[in-house]
Amino acid sequence: MIYIYHDFGGTHTTSLAAAYHLRIIDDPSKILNKEEILAVPYFNKLKKQDAGKFIFHGEDEEGNPVYTIGKRTSKLVLPSLYHFSEIMMQRSHLNEKIIFSNTSPVVPLAMTLGGFFSRGLGIDSIGVPLLVKGAQQCCKHIYQLVDRTKAMAKETESRIILIDNEKFQA
């Protein structure tokens, strides 16, 4: 299986999702502190020009690769990736499942504003504290989203799975 977590920028909730998935963060009941959040690989590190790039985070305990991607405002990215995955499966006889899981529904307002100030305007003194607050607000939801993503990947027969995760909308 190939896991791909996606959202607008690909650097906040997706990085946290990858960290939970890979058990870099392994206590779902704990609210993370500032140092733990900022230590998550790629958290608040990517720039606009990184949008559309697959970022490899590692392999999970079952050897499945975990990626993230920022899709910005494009509504065409996921349908394009879905259809490209279909082509690759038909032409290359790829037998691996590909799971696209949207982390956008768990993004709280503090994280949206923090991302805008930090990544958009380069004002970390305002953005980073908001990002930390936002991450603390949504970390349990992200863990649940990852847990649900893994379960759906195992339960679903489809070879390409798109998970919107609207149920976690805050």
C-alpha atoms as a PDB file:
ATOM      1  CA  MET A   1       0.000   0.000   0.000  1.00  0.00           C
ATOM      2  CA  ILE A   2       1.067   3.551  -0.661  1.00  0.00           C
ATOM      3  CA  TYR A   3      -0.317   6.209   1.690  1.00  0.00           C
ATOM      4  CA  ILE A   4      -0.570   9.820   0.562  1.00  0.00           C
ATOM      5  CA  TYR A   5      -1.868  12.477   2.968  1.00  0.00           C
ATOM      6  CA  HIS A   6      -2.859  15.724   1.291  1.00  0.00           C
ATOM      7  CA  ASP A   7      -4.146  19.209   2.070  1.00  0.00           C
ATOM      8  CA  PHE A   8      -3.659  22.803   0.909  1.00  0.00           C
ATOM      9  CA  GLY A   9       0.003  23.396   1.800  1.00  0.00           C
ATOM     10  CA  GLY A  10       1.250  19.914   2.642  1.00  0.00           C
ATOM     11  CA  THR A  11       3.314  21.043   5.610  1.00  0.00           C
ATOM     12  CA  HIS A  12       1.116  21.130   8.747  1.00  0.00           C
ATOM     13  CA  THR A  13      -1.673  18.568   9.204  1.00  0.00           C
ATOM     14  CA  THR A  14      -0.146  16.303   6.565  1.00  0.00           C
ATOM     15  CA  SER A  15       3.209  16.288   8.366  1.00  0.00           C
ATOM     16  CA  LEU A  16       1.477  15.520  11.650  1.00  0.00           C
ATOM     17  CA  ALA A  17      -0.536  12.738   9.976  1.00  0.00           C
ATOM     18  CA  ALA A  18       2.644  11.207   8.564  1.00  0.00           C
ATOM     19  CA  ALA A  19       4.292  11.436  12.009  1.00  0.00           C
ATOM     20  CA  TYR A  20       1.354   9.649  13.662  1.00  0.00           C
ATOM     21  CA  HIS A  21       1.214   7.074  10.862  1.00  0.00           C
ATOM     22  CA  LEU A  22       4.931   6.314  11.234  1.00  0.00           C
ATOM     23  CA  ARG A  23       4.734   6.388  15.042  1.00  0.00           C
ATOM     24  CA  ILE A  24       7.167   9.265  15.302  1.00  0.00           C
ATOM     25  CA  ILE A  25       4.424  10.567  17.573  1.00  0.00           C
ATOM     26  CA  ASP A  26       3.039   7.560  19.369  1.00  0.00           C
ATOM     27  CA  ASP A  27       0.798   8.760  22.186  1.00  0.00           C
ATOM     28  CA  PRO A  28      -2.626   9.726  20.788  1.00  0.00           C
ATOM     29  CA  SER A  29      -3.906  10.900  24.164  1.00  0.00           C
ATOM     30  CA  LYS A  30      -1.163  13.459  24.653  1.00  0.00           C
ATOM     31  CA  ILE A  31      -1.508  17.078  23.609  1.00  0.00           C
ATOM     32  CA  LEU A  32       1.819  17.893  22.014  1.00  0.00           C
ATOM     33  CA  ASN A  33       3.948  20.758  23.290  1.00  0.00           C
ATOM     34  CA  LYS A  34       5.583  23.397  21.102  1.00  0.00           C
ATOM     35  CA  GLU A  35       8.934  21.611  20.865  1.00  0.00           C
ATOM     36  CA  GLU A  36       7.330  18.298  19.881  1.00  0.00           C
ATOM     37  CA  ILE A  37       5.205  19.956  17.196  1.00  0.00           C
ATOM     38  CA  LEU A  38       8.089  21.926  15.701  1.00  0.00           C
ATOM     39  CA  ALA A  39      10.279  18.788  15.707  1.00  0.00           C
ATOM     40  CA  VAL A  40       7.881  16.911  13.395  1.00  0.00           C
ATOM     41  CA  PRO A  41       9.652  16.419  10.052  1.00  0.00           C
ATOM     42  CA  TYR A  42       8.554  18.997   7.449  1.00  0.00           C
ATOM     43  CA  PHE A  43       6.154  20.760   9.851  1.00  0.00           C
ATOM     44  CA  ASN A  44       6.083  24.399   8.711  1.00  0.00           C
ATOM     45  CA  LYS A  45       9.159  23.824   6.545  1.00  0.00           C
ATOM     46  CA  LEU A  46       7.750  23.620   3.014  1.00  0.00           C
ATOM     47  CA  LYS A  47       7.323  26.604   0.732  1.00  0.00           C
ATOM     48  CA  LYS A  48       4.866  27.458  -2.062  1.00  0.00           C
ATOM     49  CA  GLN A  49       7.221  26.021  -4.654  1.00  0.00           C
ATOM     50  CA  ASP A  50       7.013  22.622  -2.903  1.00  0.00           C
ATOM     51  CA  ALA A  51       3.315  22.359  -3.803  1.00  0.00           C
ATOM     52  CA  GLY A  52       2.588  19.392  -6.022  1.00  0.00           C
ATOM     53  CA  LYS A  53       5.704  17.506  -4.917  1.00  0.00           C
ATOM     54  CA  PHE A  54       5.410  14.174  -3.173  1.00  0.00           C
ATOM     55  CA  ILE A  55       7.329  14.307   0.107  1.00  0.00           C
ATOM     56  CA  PHE A  56       8.468  10.891   1.349  1.00  0.00           C
ATOM     57  CA  HIS A  57       8.272  10.551   5.135  1.00  0.00           C
ATOM     58  CA  GLY A  58       9.263   6.920   5.567  1.00  0.00           C
ATOM     59  CA  GLU A  59       7.862   3.402   5.706  1.00  0.00           C
ATOM     60  CA  ASP A  60       5.401   2.243   8.329  1.00  0.00           C
ATOM     61  CA  GLU A  61       5.723  -0.905  10.437  1.00  0.00           C
ATOM     62  CA  GLU A  62       4.341  -2.973   7.539  1.00  0.00           C
ATOM     63  CA  GLY A  63       6.776  -1.525   4.996  1.00  0.00           C
ATOM     64  CA  ASN A  64       4.219   0.787   3.356  1.00  0.00           C
ATOM     65  CA  PRO A  65       5.589   4.108   2.104  1.00  0.00           C
ATOM     66  CA  VAL A  66       4.005   7.278   3.486  1.00  0.00           C
ATOM     67  CA  TYR A  67       3.968  10.479   1.443  1.00  0.00           C
ATOM     68  CA  THR A  68       2.416  13.923   1.729  1.00  0.00           C
ATOM     69  CA  ILE A  69       1.512  16.461  -0.921  1.00  0.00           C
ATOM     70  CA  GLY A  70       0.241  20.032  -0.921  1.00  0.00           C
ATOM     71  CA  LYS A  71      -2.287  20.714  -3.643  1.00  0.00           C
ATOM     72  CA  ARG A  72      -2.874  24.457  -3.042  1.00  0.00           C
ATOM     73  CA  THR A  73      -6.181  25.641  -4.528  1.00  0.00           C
ATOM     74  CA  SER A  74      -6.271  23.205  -7.434  1.00  0.00           C
ATOM     75  CA  LYS A  75      -9.352  21.012  -7.493  1.00  0.00           C
ATOM     76  CA  LEU A  76      -7.780  19.035 -10.345  1.00  0.00           C
ATOM     77  CA  VAL A  77      -4.871  17.525  -8.436  1.00  0.00           C
ATOM     78  CA  LEU A  78      -6.748  14.600  -6.858  1.00  0.00           C
ATOM     79  CA  PRO A  79      -8.754  13.602  -9.940  1.00  0.00           C
ATOM     80  CA  SER A  80      -5.540  13.785 -11.987  1.00  0.00           C
ATOM     81  CA  LEU A  81      -3.627  11.671  -9.484  1.00  0.00           C
ATOM     82  CA  TYR A  82      -6.484   9.183  -9.331  1.00  0.00           C
ATOM     83  CA  HIS A  83      -6.585   8.772 -13.105  1.00  0.00           C
ATOM     84  CA  PHE A  84      -2.806   8.634 -13.379  1.00  0.00           C
ATOM     85  CA  SER A  85      -2.818   5.884 -10.729  1.00  0.00           C
ATOM     86  CA  GLU A  86      -5.361   3.967 -12.820  1.00  0.00           C
ATOM     87  CA  ILE A  87      -3.137   4.254 -15.885  1.00  0.00           C
ATOM     88  CA  MET A  88      -0.095   3.074 -13.936  1.00  0.00           C
ATOM     89  CA  MET A  89      -2.020   0.102 -12.560  1.00  0.00           C
ATOM     90  CA  GLN A  90      -3.259  -0.902 -16.018  1.00  0.00           C
ATOM     91  CA  ARG A  91       0.017  -0.422 -17.876  1.00  0.00           C
ATOM     92  CA  SER A  92       2.516  -1.480 -15.235  1.00  0.00           C
ATOM     93  CA  HIS A  93       0.440  -4.166 -13.561  1.00  0.00           C
ATOM     94  CA  LEU A  94       0.928  -2.376 -10.275  1.00  0.00           C
ATOM     95  CA  ASN A  95      -0.861  -4.416  -7.623  1.00  0.00           C
ATOM     96  CA  GLU A  96      -0.367  -2.052  -4.717  1.00  0.00           C
ATOM     97  CA  LYS A  97      -3.225  -0.075  -3.229  1.00  0.00           C
ATOM     98  CA  ILE A  98      -2.877   3.700  -3.267  1.00  0.00           C
ATOM     99  CA  ILE A  99      -4.645   5.592  -0.499  1.00  0.00           C
ATOM    100  CA  PHE A 100      -5.217   9.345  -0.742  1.00  0.00           C
ATOM    101  CA  SER A 101      -6.358  10.773   2.613  1.00  0.00           C
ATOM    102  CA  ASN A 102      -7.443  14.413   2.940  1.00  0.00           C
ATOM    103  CA  THR A 103      -6.302  16.078   6.166  1.00  0.00           C
ATOM    104  CA  SER A 104      -7.991  19.431   5.384  1.00  0.00           C
ATOM    105  CA  PRO A 105     -11.154  18.734   7.421  1.00  0.00           C
ATOM    106  CA  VAL A 106      -9.184  18.711  10.683  1.00  0.00           C
ATOM    107  CA  VAL A 107      -7.509  22.096  10.127  1.00  0.00           C
ATOM    108  CA  PRO A 108      -8.668  24.571  12.803  1.00  0.00           C
ATOM    109  CA  LEU A 109      -8.835  28.332  12.199  1.00  0.00           C
ATOM    110  CA  ALA A 110      -5.691  28.941  14.280  1.00  0.00           C
ATOM    111  CA  MET A 111      -3.693  26.685  11.940  1.00  0.00           C
ATOM    112  CA  THR A 112      -5.114  28.328   8.826  1.00  0.00           C
ATOM    113  CA  LEU A 113      -4.170  31.767  10.122  1.00  0.00           C
ATOM    114  CA  GLY A 114      -0.809  30.535  11.369  1.00  0.00           C
ATOM    115  CA  GLY A 115       0.015  29.039   7.988  1.00  0.00           C
ATOM    116  CA  PHE A 116      -0.969  32.266   6.262  1.00  0.00           C
ATOM    117  CA  PHE A 117       1.251  34.397   8.506  1.00  0.00           C
ATOM    118  CA  SER A 118       4.194  31.983   8.656  1.00  0.00           C
ATOM    119  CA  ARG A 119       4.304  30.408   5.185  1.00  0.00           C
ATOM    120  CA  GLY A 120       2.385  33.045   3.236  1.00  0.00           C
ATOM    121  CA  LEU A 121       3.769  36.263   4.683  1.00  0.00           C
ATOM    122  CA  GLY A 122       6.940  35.013   6.360  1.00  0.00           C
ATOM    123  CA  ILE A 123       5.917  36.418   9.755  1.00  0.00           C
ATOM    124  CA  ASP A 124       6.880  33.540  12.059  1.00  0.00           C
ATOM    125  CA  SER A 125       6.513  35.622  15.230  1.00  0.00           C
ATOM    126  CA  ILE A 126       2.727  35.621  14.654  1.00  0.00           C
ATOM    127  CA  GLY A 127       2.348  32.462  12.580  1.00  0.00           C
ATOM    128  CA  VAL A 128       4.261  29.878  14.610  1.00  0.00           C
ATOM    129  CA  PRO A 129       2.366  30.404  17.906  1.00  0.00           C
ATOM    130  CA  LEU A 130      -0.917  30.103  15.968  1.00  0.00           C
ATOM    131  CA  LEU A 131       0.326  26.945  14.238  1.00  0.00           C
ATOM    132  CA  VAL A 132       1.288  25.411  17.576  1.00  0.00           C
ATOM    133  CA  LYS A 133      -2.123  26.274  19.049  1.00  0.00           C
ATOM    134  CA  GLY A 134      -3.839  24.841  15.966  1.00  0.00           C
ATOM    135  CA  ALA A 135      -1.794  21.649  16.092  1.00  0.00           C
ATOM    136  CA  GLN A 136      -2.659  21.220  19.758  1.00  0.00           C
ATOM    137  CA  GLN A 137      -6.354  21.684  18.935  1.00  0.00           C
ATOM    138  CA  CYS A 138      -6.408  19.086  16.188  1.00  0.00           C
ATOM    139  CA  CYS A 139      -3.788  16.474  17.119  1.00  0.00           C
ATOM    140  CA  LYS A 140      -6.356  13.986  18.472  1.00  0.00           C
ATOM    141  CA  HIS A 141      -8.439  14.379  15.311  1.00  0.00           C
ATOM    142  CA  ILE A 142      -5.370  13.801  13.166  1.00  0.00           C
ATOM    143  CA  TYR A 143      -4.576  10.613  15.072  1.00  0.00           C
ATOM    144  CA  GLN A 144      -8.177   9.427  14.560  1.00  0.00           C
ATOM    145  CA  LEU A 145      -7.972  10.333  10.865  1.00  0.00           C
ATOM    146  CA  VAL A 146      -4.781   8.286  10.462  1.00  0.00           C
ATOM    147  CA  ASP A 147      -6.288   5.366  12.357  1.00  0.00           C
ATOM    148  CA  ARG A 148      -9.384   5.496  10.136  1.00  0.00           C
ATOM    149  CA  THR A 149      -7.239   5.794   7.004  1.00  0.00           C
ATOM    150  CA  LYS A 150      -5.279   2.656   7.904  1.00  0.00           C
ATOM    151  CA  ALA A 151      -8.479   0.743   8.700  1.00  0.00           C
ATOM    152  CA  MET A 152     -10.175   1.756   5.450  1.00  0.00           C
ATOM    153  CA  ALA A 153      -7.086   0.788   3.477  1.00  0.00           C
ATOM    154  CA  LYS A 154      -7.228  -2.722   4.905  1.00  0.00           C
ATOM    155  CA  GLU A 155     -11.015  -3.123   4.678  1.00  0.00           C
ATOM    156  CA  THR A 156     -11.624  -1.713   1.202  1.00  0.00           C
ATOM    157  CA  GLU A 157     -11.171  -3.869  -1.880  1.00  0.00           C
ATOM    158  CA  SER A 158     -10.598  -0.914  -4.235  1.00  0.00           C
ATOM    159  CA  ARG A 159      -7.065  -0.477  -5.469  1.00  0.00           C
ATOM    160  CA  ILE A 160      -7.273   3.318  -5.380  1.00  0.00           C
ATOM    161  CA  ILE A 161      -8.961   4.852  -2.355  1.00  0.00           C
ATOM    162  CA  LEU A 162      -9.915   8.514  -1.947  1.00  0.00           C
ATOM    163  CA  ILE A 163     -10.796   9.392   1.644  1.00  0.00           C
ATOM    164  CA  ASP A 164     -12.320  12.856   2.169  1.00  0.00           C
ATOM    165  CA  ASN A 165     -12.482  12.613   5.986  1.00  0.00           C
ATOM    166  CA  GLU A 166     -15.347  15.123   6.129  1.00  0.00           C
ATOM    167  CA  LYS A 167     -16.556  13.503   9.362  1.00  0.00           C
ATOM    168  CA  PHE A 168     -13.680  15.171  11.241  1.00  0.00           C
ATOM    169  CA  GLN A 169     -14.585  18.672  10.131  1.00  0.00           C
ATOM    170  CA  ALA A 170     -14.198  21.102  13.041  1.00  0.00           C
END
